[in-house]
N, C-alpha and C. Protein backbone atom coordinates (compact mmCIF):
# COMPACT_ATOMS: atom_id res chain seq x y z
N MET A 1 -26.90 -165.03 -23.80
CA MET A 1 -27.84 -164.55 -24.77
C MET A 1 -29.24 -164.87 -24.28
N SER A 2 -30.11 -163.97 -24.59
CA SER A 2 -31.51 -164.18 -24.22
C SER A 2 -32.22 -164.94 -25.33
N ALA A 3 -33.50 -165.16 -25.14
CA ALA A 3 -34.28 -165.96 -26.09
C ALA A 3 -34.40 -165.28 -27.45
N ASN A 4 -34.37 -163.95 -27.48
CA ASN A 4 -34.52 -163.28 -28.76
C ASN A 4 -33.19 -163.06 -29.47
N GLY A 5 -32.08 -163.56 -28.90
CA GLY A 5 -30.79 -163.48 -29.56
C GLY A 5 -29.95 -162.27 -29.17
N ALA A 6 -30.43 -161.37 -28.36
CA ALA A 6 -29.67 -160.20 -27.94
C ALA A 6 -29.01 -160.49 -26.59
N TRP A 7 -27.92 -159.82 -26.32
CA TRP A 7 -27.24 -159.97 -25.05
C TRP A 7 -28.07 -159.32 -23.97
N GLY A 8 -28.00 -159.85 -22.79
CA GLY A 8 -28.77 -159.32 -21.67
C GLY A 8 -28.17 -158.03 -21.15
N ALA A 9 -28.76 -157.48 -20.11
CA ALA A 9 -28.33 -156.21 -19.53
C ALA A 9 -27.01 -156.34 -18.78
N ARG A 10 -26.54 -157.54 -18.55
CA ARG A 10 -25.32 -157.76 -17.78
C ARG A 10 -24.09 -157.93 -18.65
N SER A 11 -24.14 -157.66 -19.89
CA SER A 11 -22.97 -157.84 -20.73
C SER A 11 -21.91 -156.83 -20.33
N GLY A 12 -20.71 -157.30 -20.10
CA GLY A 12 -19.60 -156.44 -19.70
C GLY A 12 -19.41 -156.32 -18.21
N GLN A 13 -20.30 -156.88 -17.41
CA GLN A 13 -20.17 -156.77 -15.96
C GLN A 13 -18.92 -157.49 -15.48
N MET A 14 -18.60 -158.63 -16.03
CA MET A 14 -17.43 -159.38 -15.61
C MET A 14 -16.14 -158.64 -15.94
N VAL A 15 -16.10 -157.94 -17.04
CA VAL A 15 -14.92 -157.16 -17.42
C VAL A 15 -14.70 -156.03 -16.42
N VAL A 16 -15.76 -155.37 -16.02
CA VAL A 16 -15.65 -154.28 -15.04
C VAL A 16 -15.20 -154.83 -13.69
N GLU A 17 -15.78 -155.93 -13.26
CA GLU A 17 -15.38 -156.53 -11.99
C GLU A 17 -13.91 -156.95 -12.02
N LEU A 18 -13.48 -157.51 -13.13
CA LEU A 18 -12.08 -157.91 -13.27
C LEU A 18 -11.16 -156.69 -13.25
N ALA A 19 -11.56 -155.61 -13.92
CA ALA A 19 -10.74 -154.40 -13.94
C ALA A 19 -10.61 -153.78 -12.55
N VAL A 20 -11.61 -153.93 -11.73
CA VAL A 20 -11.55 -153.40 -10.36
C VAL A 20 -10.78 -154.35 -9.46
N LEU A 21 -10.89 -155.63 -9.65
CA LEU A 21 -10.31 -156.62 -8.76
C LEU A 21 -8.82 -156.86 -8.99
N VAL A 22 -8.35 -156.79 -10.20
CA VAL A 22 -6.95 -157.11 -10.51
C VAL A 22 -5.96 -156.21 -9.75
N PRO A 23 -6.11 -154.89 -9.71
CA PRO A 23 -5.16 -154.09 -8.93
C PRO A 23 -5.15 -154.43 -7.44
N VAL A 24 -6.31 -154.73 -6.89
CA VAL A 24 -6.38 -155.11 -5.48
C VAL A 24 -5.64 -156.42 -5.23
N VAL A 25 -5.84 -157.38 -6.10
CA VAL A 25 -5.16 -158.67 -5.96
C VAL A 25 -3.65 -158.50 -6.11
N LEU A 26 -3.20 -157.65 -7.02
CA LEU A 26 -1.76 -157.40 -7.18
C LEU A 26 -1.16 -156.75 -5.94
N VAL A 27 -1.84 -155.80 -5.36
CA VAL A 27 -1.33 -155.13 -4.15
C VAL A 27 -1.26 -156.12 -2.99
N VAL A 28 -2.28 -156.93 -2.81
CA VAL A 28 -2.27 -157.92 -1.74
C VAL A 28 -1.15 -158.94 -1.97
N ALA A 29 -0.93 -159.34 -3.20
CA ALA A 29 0.15 -160.28 -3.50
C ALA A 29 1.52 -159.66 -3.22
N LEU A 30 1.72 -158.39 -3.58
CA LEU A 30 2.99 -157.72 -3.28
C LEU A 30 3.23 -157.60 -1.78
N VAL A 31 2.19 -157.27 -1.03
CA VAL A 31 2.32 -157.18 0.42
C VAL A 31 2.69 -158.55 1.00
N GLY A 32 2.05 -159.59 0.51
CA GLY A 32 2.36 -160.94 0.98
C GLY A 32 3.78 -161.36 0.66
N VAL A 33 4.24 -161.08 -0.54
CA VAL A 33 5.61 -161.43 -0.93
C VAL A 33 6.62 -160.66 -0.08
N ASN A 34 6.39 -159.37 0.12
CA ASN A 34 7.31 -158.57 0.94
C ASN A 34 7.32 -159.04 2.39
N LEU A 35 6.16 -159.40 2.92
CA LEU A 35 6.10 -159.88 4.29
C LEU A 35 6.83 -161.21 4.46
N MET A 36 6.66 -162.11 3.50
CA MET A 36 7.38 -163.39 3.57
C MET A 36 8.89 -163.19 3.45
N GLU A 37 9.31 -162.29 2.58
CA GLU A 37 10.75 -162.01 2.46
C GLU A 37 11.30 -161.40 3.74
N PHE A 38 10.54 -160.51 4.36
CA PHE A 38 10.97 -159.90 5.62
C PHE A 38 11.07 -160.95 6.73
N MET A 39 10.12 -161.85 6.81
CA MET A 39 10.16 -162.89 7.85
C MET A 39 11.34 -163.83 7.64
N ALA A 40 11.63 -164.20 6.41
CA ALA A 40 12.78 -165.05 6.13
C ALA A 40 14.09 -164.33 6.45
N LEU A 41 14.13 -163.05 6.14
CA LEU A 41 15.32 -162.25 6.44
C LEU A 41 15.51 -162.09 7.95
N CYS A 42 14.42 -161.95 8.70
CA CYS A 42 14.52 -161.85 10.16
C CYS A 42 15.08 -163.14 10.76
N ALA A 43 14.63 -164.28 10.26
CA ALA A 43 15.13 -165.55 10.77
C ALA A 43 16.62 -165.70 10.48
N ARG A 44 17.03 -165.34 9.26
CA ARG A 44 18.45 -165.42 8.90
C ARG A 44 19.27 -164.43 9.71
N PHE A 45 18.72 -163.23 9.94
CA PHE A 45 19.42 -162.19 10.69
C PHE A 45 19.60 -162.60 12.15
N ASP A 46 18.59 -163.22 12.77
CA ASP A 46 18.71 -163.64 14.17
C ASP A 46 19.80 -164.68 14.35
N ARG A 47 19.86 -165.65 13.45
CA ARG A 47 20.92 -166.66 13.54
C ARG A 47 22.30 -166.04 13.31
N ALA A 48 22.39 -165.19 12.31
CA ALA A 48 23.68 -164.57 11.98
C ALA A 48 24.12 -163.60 13.07
N CYS A 49 23.17 -162.94 13.71
CA CYS A 49 23.49 -161.99 14.77
C CYS A 49 24.15 -162.70 15.95
N LEU A 50 23.58 -163.80 16.37
CA LEU A 50 24.17 -164.56 17.47
C LEU A 50 25.57 -165.04 17.12
N ASP A 51 25.74 -165.59 15.94
CA ASP A 51 27.05 -166.08 15.52
C ASP A 51 28.07 -164.95 15.42
N ALA A 52 27.66 -163.82 14.85
CA ALA A 52 28.59 -162.71 14.65
C ALA A 52 29.02 -162.09 15.97
N VAL A 53 28.10 -161.92 16.89
CA VAL A 53 28.46 -161.30 18.18
C VAL A 53 29.34 -162.24 18.99
N VAL A 54 29.01 -163.52 19.01
CA VAL A 54 29.82 -164.46 19.80
C VAL A 54 31.20 -164.64 19.19
N SER A 55 31.31 -164.69 17.87
CA SER A 55 32.62 -164.94 17.27
C SER A 55 33.43 -163.67 17.03
N HIS A 56 32.80 -162.58 16.58
CA HIS A 56 33.57 -161.37 16.25
C HIS A 56 33.47 -160.30 17.33
N GLY A 57 32.36 -160.22 18.02
CA GLY A 57 32.18 -159.17 19.02
C GLY A 57 32.98 -159.40 20.28
N VAL A 58 33.15 -160.65 20.66
CA VAL A 58 33.86 -160.96 21.89
C VAL A 58 35.36 -160.81 21.69
N SER A 59 35.88 -161.35 20.62
CA SER A 59 37.32 -161.27 20.38
C SER A 59 37.57 -160.91 18.92
N PRO A 60 37.61 -159.60 18.61
CA PRO A 60 37.84 -159.19 17.22
C PRO A 60 39.23 -159.58 16.75
N ALA A 61 39.36 -159.73 15.45
CA ALA A 61 40.62 -160.21 14.88
C ALA A 61 41.74 -159.19 14.99
N GLY A 62 41.44 -157.93 14.76
CA GLY A 62 42.49 -156.91 14.75
C GLY A 62 42.67 -156.30 16.13
N GLU A 63 42.46 -155.01 16.17
CA GLU A 63 42.61 -154.27 17.41
C GLU A 63 41.52 -154.68 18.40
N GLN A 64 41.91 -154.91 19.64
CA GLN A 64 40.97 -155.36 20.67
C GLN A 64 40.23 -154.15 21.28
N SER A 65 39.40 -153.53 20.47
CA SER A 65 38.63 -152.39 20.95
C SER A 65 37.16 -152.58 20.62
N GLN A 66 36.33 -151.78 21.26
CA GLN A 66 34.90 -151.88 21.03
C GLN A 66 34.53 -151.43 19.62
N VAL A 67 35.22 -150.43 19.10
CA VAL A 67 34.95 -149.95 17.74
C VAL A 67 35.31 -151.02 16.71
N GLY A 68 36.44 -151.68 16.90
CA GLY A 68 36.83 -152.75 15.99
C GLY A 68 35.86 -153.91 16.03
N ALA A 69 35.37 -154.23 17.22
CA ALA A 69 34.42 -155.34 17.35
C ALA A 69 33.10 -155.00 16.67
N VAL A 70 32.63 -153.76 16.83
CA VAL A 70 31.37 -153.34 16.18
C VAL A 70 31.51 -153.39 14.67
N ASP A 71 32.65 -152.95 14.15
CA ASP A 71 32.88 -152.99 12.70
C ASP A 71 32.89 -154.43 12.18
N GLU A 72 33.52 -155.32 12.91
CA GLU A 72 33.56 -156.73 12.46
C GLU A 72 32.20 -157.39 12.53
N VAL A 73 31.41 -157.08 13.56
CA VAL A 73 30.06 -157.65 13.65
C VAL A 73 29.20 -157.12 12.51
N ARG A 74 29.29 -155.82 12.22
CA ARG A 74 28.52 -155.23 11.12
C ARG A 74 28.92 -155.86 9.78
N GLU A 75 30.21 -156.08 9.59
CA GLU A 75 30.69 -156.70 8.35
C GLU A 75 30.17 -158.13 8.20
N ALA A 76 30.19 -158.89 9.30
CA ALA A 76 29.70 -160.27 9.25
C ALA A 76 28.20 -160.31 8.98
N LEU A 77 27.43 -159.39 9.57
CA LEU A 77 25.99 -159.35 9.32
C LEU A 77 25.68 -158.90 7.91
N SER A 78 26.47 -158.00 7.37
CA SER A 78 26.27 -157.57 5.99
C SER A 78 26.53 -158.71 5.02
N LEU A 79 27.53 -159.53 5.31
CA LEU A 79 27.79 -160.70 4.47
C LEU A 79 26.66 -161.73 4.58
N ALA A 80 26.10 -161.86 5.78
CA ALA A 80 25.03 -162.85 5.97
C ALA A 80 23.74 -162.43 5.28
N THR A 81 23.50 -161.13 5.16
CA THR A 81 22.28 -160.64 4.51
C THR A 81 22.58 -160.10 3.12
N ASP A 82 23.62 -160.59 2.50
CA ASP A 82 24.03 -160.11 1.18
C ASP A 82 22.94 -160.39 0.15
N GLY A 83 22.69 -159.41 -0.70
CA GLY A 83 21.70 -159.59 -1.76
C GLY A 83 20.29 -159.26 -1.33
N SER A 84 20.10 -158.81 -0.12
CA SER A 84 18.76 -158.47 0.34
C SER A 84 18.65 -156.95 0.51
N PRO A 85 17.46 -156.41 0.34
CA PRO A 85 17.30 -154.95 0.44
C PRO A 85 17.16 -154.47 1.88
N CYS A 86 18.21 -154.64 2.67
CA CYS A 86 18.15 -154.20 4.06
C CYS A 86 19.43 -153.45 4.43
N VAL A 87 19.30 -152.64 5.46
CA VAL A 87 20.43 -151.88 5.99
C VAL A 87 20.70 -152.38 7.40
N VAL A 88 21.96 -152.74 7.69
CA VAL A 88 22.33 -153.31 8.98
C VAL A 88 23.06 -152.25 9.81
N ARG A 89 22.65 -152.13 11.08
CA ARG A 89 23.31 -151.22 12.03
C ARG A 89 23.68 -152.02 13.27
N VAL A 90 24.85 -151.72 13.83
CA VAL A 90 25.31 -152.39 15.04
C VAL A 90 25.83 -151.33 15.99
N SER A 91 25.45 -151.43 17.25
CA SER A 91 25.98 -150.55 18.28
C SER A 91 26.33 -151.38 19.50
N ALA A 92 27.24 -150.87 20.31
CA ALA A 92 27.66 -151.56 21.52
C ALA A 92 27.75 -150.56 22.65
N GLU A 93 27.36 -151.02 23.83
CA GLU A 93 27.50 -150.19 25.01
C GLU A 93 27.98 -151.05 26.17
N ARG A 94 28.83 -150.47 26.99
CA ARG A 94 29.36 -151.18 28.13
C ARG A 94 28.36 -151.09 29.28
N LEU A 95 28.12 -152.19 29.93
CA LEU A 95 27.20 -152.23 31.06
C LEU A 95 28.01 -152.13 32.35
N ASP A 96 27.68 -151.16 33.17
CA ASP A 96 28.31 -151.06 34.48
C ASP A 96 27.28 -150.54 35.48
N ASP A 97 27.67 -150.45 36.72
CA ASP A 97 26.73 -150.06 37.77
C ASP A 97 26.67 -148.55 37.97
N GLY A 98 27.29 -147.77 37.13
CA GLY A 98 27.28 -146.32 37.26
C GLY A 98 28.45 -145.78 38.05
N GLY A 99 29.39 -146.61 38.44
CA GLY A 99 30.59 -146.15 39.13
C GLY A 99 30.39 -145.94 40.62
N GLY A 100 29.30 -146.44 41.20
CA GLY A 100 29.05 -146.25 42.64
C GLY A 100 30.04 -147.03 43.48
N GLY A 101 30.41 -148.21 43.04
CA GLY A 101 31.38 -149.01 43.76
C GLY A 101 30.81 -149.72 44.97
N ALA A 102 29.52 -149.58 45.26
CA ALA A 102 28.92 -150.20 46.43
C ALA A 102 28.58 -151.66 46.19
N SER A 103 28.47 -152.06 44.95
CA SER A 103 28.10 -153.45 44.68
C SER A 103 29.28 -154.18 44.05
N PHE A 104 29.23 -155.48 44.19
CA PHE A 104 30.27 -156.33 43.63
C PHE A 104 29.85 -156.79 42.24
N GLU A 105 30.66 -156.51 41.23
CA GLU A 105 30.35 -156.92 39.87
C GLU A 105 31.00 -158.27 39.59
N ILE A 106 30.20 -159.17 39.05
CA ILE A 106 30.74 -160.47 38.68
C ILE A 106 31.72 -160.33 37.53
N SER A 107 31.35 -159.54 36.54
CA SER A 107 32.22 -159.29 35.40
C SER A 107 32.11 -157.82 35.02
N PRO A 108 33.17 -157.06 35.13
CA PRO A 108 33.09 -155.64 34.81
C PRO A 108 33.15 -155.34 33.32
N PHE A 109 33.25 -156.35 32.48
CA PHE A 109 33.42 -156.12 31.06
C PHE A 109 32.22 -156.58 30.23
N LEU A 110 31.02 -156.50 30.78
CA LEU A 110 29.83 -156.89 30.04
C LEU A 110 29.51 -155.82 28.99
N THR A 111 29.22 -156.27 27.79
CA THR A 111 28.91 -155.38 26.68
C THR A 111 27.59 -155.81 26.05
N ARG A 112 26.71 -154.83 25.82
CA ARG A 112 25.44 -155.11 25.14
C ARG A 112 25.58 -154.69 23.68
N TYR A 113 25.42 -155.66 22.79
CA TYR A 113 25.41 -155.39 21.35
C TYR A 113 23.96 -155.32 20.89
N THR A 114 23.63 -154.25 20.19
CA THR A 114 22.31 -154.08 19.61
C THR A 114 22.47 -154.10 18.09
N CYS A 115 21.94 -155.14 17.48
CA CYS A 115 22.01 -155.30 16.03
C CYS A 115 20.62 -155.06 15.47
N SER A 116 20.51 -154.17 14.50
CA SER A 116 19.20 -153.88 13.91
C SER A 116 19.32 -153.84 12.40
N MET A 117 18.20 -154.15 11.76
CA MET A 117 18.14 -154.07 10.31
C MET A 117 16.84 -153.39 9.92
N THR A 118 16.88 -152.67 8.83
CA THR A 118 15.68 -152.05 8.28
C THR A 118 15.48 -152.58 6.87
N PHE A 119 14.26 -152.92 6.56
CA PHE A 119 13.91 -153.55 5.30
C PHE A 119 12.97 -152.64 4.53
N ALA A 120 13.33 -152.30 3.32
CA ALA A 120 12.48 -151.48 2.45
C ALA A 120 11.70 -152.38 1.53
N PRO A 121 10.37 -152.32 1.55
CA PRO A 121 9.58 -153.20 0.69
C PRO A 121 9.77 -152.88 -0.79
N TRP A 122 9.49 -153.89 -1.63
CA TRP A 122 9.61 -153.72 -3.07
C TRP A 122 8.22 -153.72 -3.67
N PRO A 123 7.87 -152.98 -4.59
CA PRO A 123 8.58 -151.84 -5.17
C PRO A 123 8.48 -150.63 -4.24
N ARG A 124 9.57 -149.95 -4.07
CA ARG A 124 9.61 -148.77 -3.20
C ARG A 124 8.83 -147.62 -3.82
N GLU A 125 8.96 -147.44 -5.12
CA GLU A 125 8.24 -146.38 -5.83
C GLU A 125 7.52 -146.98 -7.03
N LEU A 126 6.34 -146.48 -7.29
CA LEU A 126 5.57 -146.91 -8.45
C LEU A 126 5.17 -145.65 -9.22
N ARG A 127 5.68 -145.55 -10.43
CA ARG A 127 5.38 -144.37 -11.24
C ARG A 127 4.68 -144.79 -12.52
N LEU A 128 3.47 -144.34 -12.64
CA LEU A 128 2.67 -144.55 -13.84
C LEU A 128 2.29 -143.17 -14.38
N PRO A 129 1.88 -143.08 -15.62
CA PRO A 129 1.48 -141.77 -16.14
C PRO A 129 0.34 -141.17 -15.31
N GLY A 130 0.64 -140.07 -14.66
CA GLY A 130 -0.37 -139.39 -13.85
C GLY A 130 -0.49 -139.89 -12.43
N VAL A 131 0.18 -140.98 -12.09
CA VAL A 131 0.08 -141.56 -10.75
C VAL A 131 1.49 -141.82 -10.22
N SER A 132 1.74 -141.38 -9.00
CA SER A 132 3.03 -141.62 -8.36
C SER A 132 2.77 -142.11 -6.94
N LEU A 133 3.20 -143.31 -6.64
CA LEU A 133 3.00 -143.90 -5.32
C LEU A 133 4.34 -144.27 -4.72
N GLU A 134 4.47 -144.12 -3.40
CA GLU A 134 5.70 -144.48 -2.72
C GLU A 134 5.35 -145.15 -1.41
N ALA A 135 6.10 -146.19 -1.05
CA ALA A 135 5.87 -146.88 0.22
C ALA A 135 6.25 -145.95 1.36
N PRO A 136 5.37 -145.74 2.31
CA PRO A 136 5.63 -144.72 3.34
C PRO A 136 6.54 -145.17 4.46
N THR A 137 6.78 -146.44 4.61
CA THR A 137 7.52 -146.89 5.78
C THR A 137 8.47 -148.02 5.44
N VAL A 138 9.34 -148.30 6.37
CA VAL A 138 10.23 -149.45 6.28
C VAL A 138 9.96 -150.34 7.48
N LEU A 139 10.28 -151.60 7.35
CA LEU A 139 10.13 -152.54 8.45
C LEU A 139 11.47 -152.68 9.15
N SER A 140 11.44 -152.77 10.47
CA SER A 140 12.70 -152.88 11.21
C SER A 140 12.63 -154.05 12.19
N HIS A 141 13.80 -154.58 12.49
CA HIS A 141 13.94 -155.71 13.41
C HIS A 141 15.26 -155.53 14.14
N SER A 142 15.26 -155.79 15.44
CA SER A 142 16.51 -155.64 16.20
C SER A 142 16.68 -156.81 17.17
N ARG A 143 17.91 -157.01 17.54
CA ARG A 143 18.27 -158.09 18.46
C ARG A 143 19.35 -157.59 19.38
N GLU A 144 19.22 -157.85 20.68
CA GLU A 144 20.22 -157.45 21.67
C GLU A 144 20.86 -158.69 22.27
N LEU A 145 22.17 -158.60 22.47
CA LEU A 145 22.91 -159.69 23.09
C LEU A 145 23.90 -159.08 24.07
N VAL A 146 24.01 -159.67 25.26
CA VAL A 146 24.98 -159.22 26.25
C VAL A 146 26.04 -160.30 26.37
N VAL A 147 27.30 -159.89 26.18
CA VAL A 147 28.41 -160.83 26.24
C VAL A 147 29.50 -160.25 27.13
N ASP A 148 30.39 -161.13 27.57
CA ASP A 148 31.56 -160.72 28.32
C ASP A 148 32.71 -160.62 27.32
N ARG A 149 33.33 -159.46 27.24
CA ARG A 149 34.36 -159.22 26.22
C ARG A 149 35.60 -160.07 26.39
N PHE A 150 35.87 -160.55 27.60
CA PHE A 150 37.11 -161.28 27.81
C PHE A 150 36.89 -162.75 28.15
N ARG A 151 35.68 -163.26 27.92
CA ARG A 151 35.41 -164.69 28.06
C ARG A 151 34.66 -165.14 26.82
N PRO A 152 35.37 -165.60 25.81
CA PRO A 152 34.73 -166.00 24.56
C PRO A 152 33.69 -167.09 24.77
N GLY A 153 32.55 -166.92 24.10
CA GLY A 153 31.51 -167.92 24.14
C GLY A 153 30.51 -167.75 25.26
N VAL A 154 30.73 -166.78 26.16
CA VAL A 154 29.83 -166.58 27.29
C VAL A 154 28.78 -165.56 26.87
N VAL A 155 27.53 -166.00 26.78
CA VAL A 155 26.42 -165.11 26.45
C VAL A 155 25.55 -165.01 27.69
N ILE A 156 25.22 -163.79 28.07
CA ILE A 156 24.42 -163.57 29.28
C ILE A 156 23.04 -163.12 28.92
């Protein structure tokens, strides 16, 4: 209040500043929370990926095939990331010299497992009256491991 008892010219300025600042602070907080969740999920995924490939990828429980091993690794990774908004993909490829036969292979059964996950941030869609926003991208993380299919525990 001024000396004559009337409010000054700045009345309401703080309300306007707060109305402009609150949405920005909320967006920055959501980005921070999603980034922290993604980093925690990456750490858990890296540990689980190594364990799953070494235990299930090298010697699957059922049929001793590459398809069975990929399915078991994917299942183990899905259990490890249970309750999180991510999609897990696993692929395997056999490493060889191309069939030239000119070189000596130490182990002809080397397999490269590529485990990847994609994380969709929350909230994925925001719908308000007259405004519709959607997150344009997903975050992804992958890990590759080379193992020998017939020597359990050997990671190359």
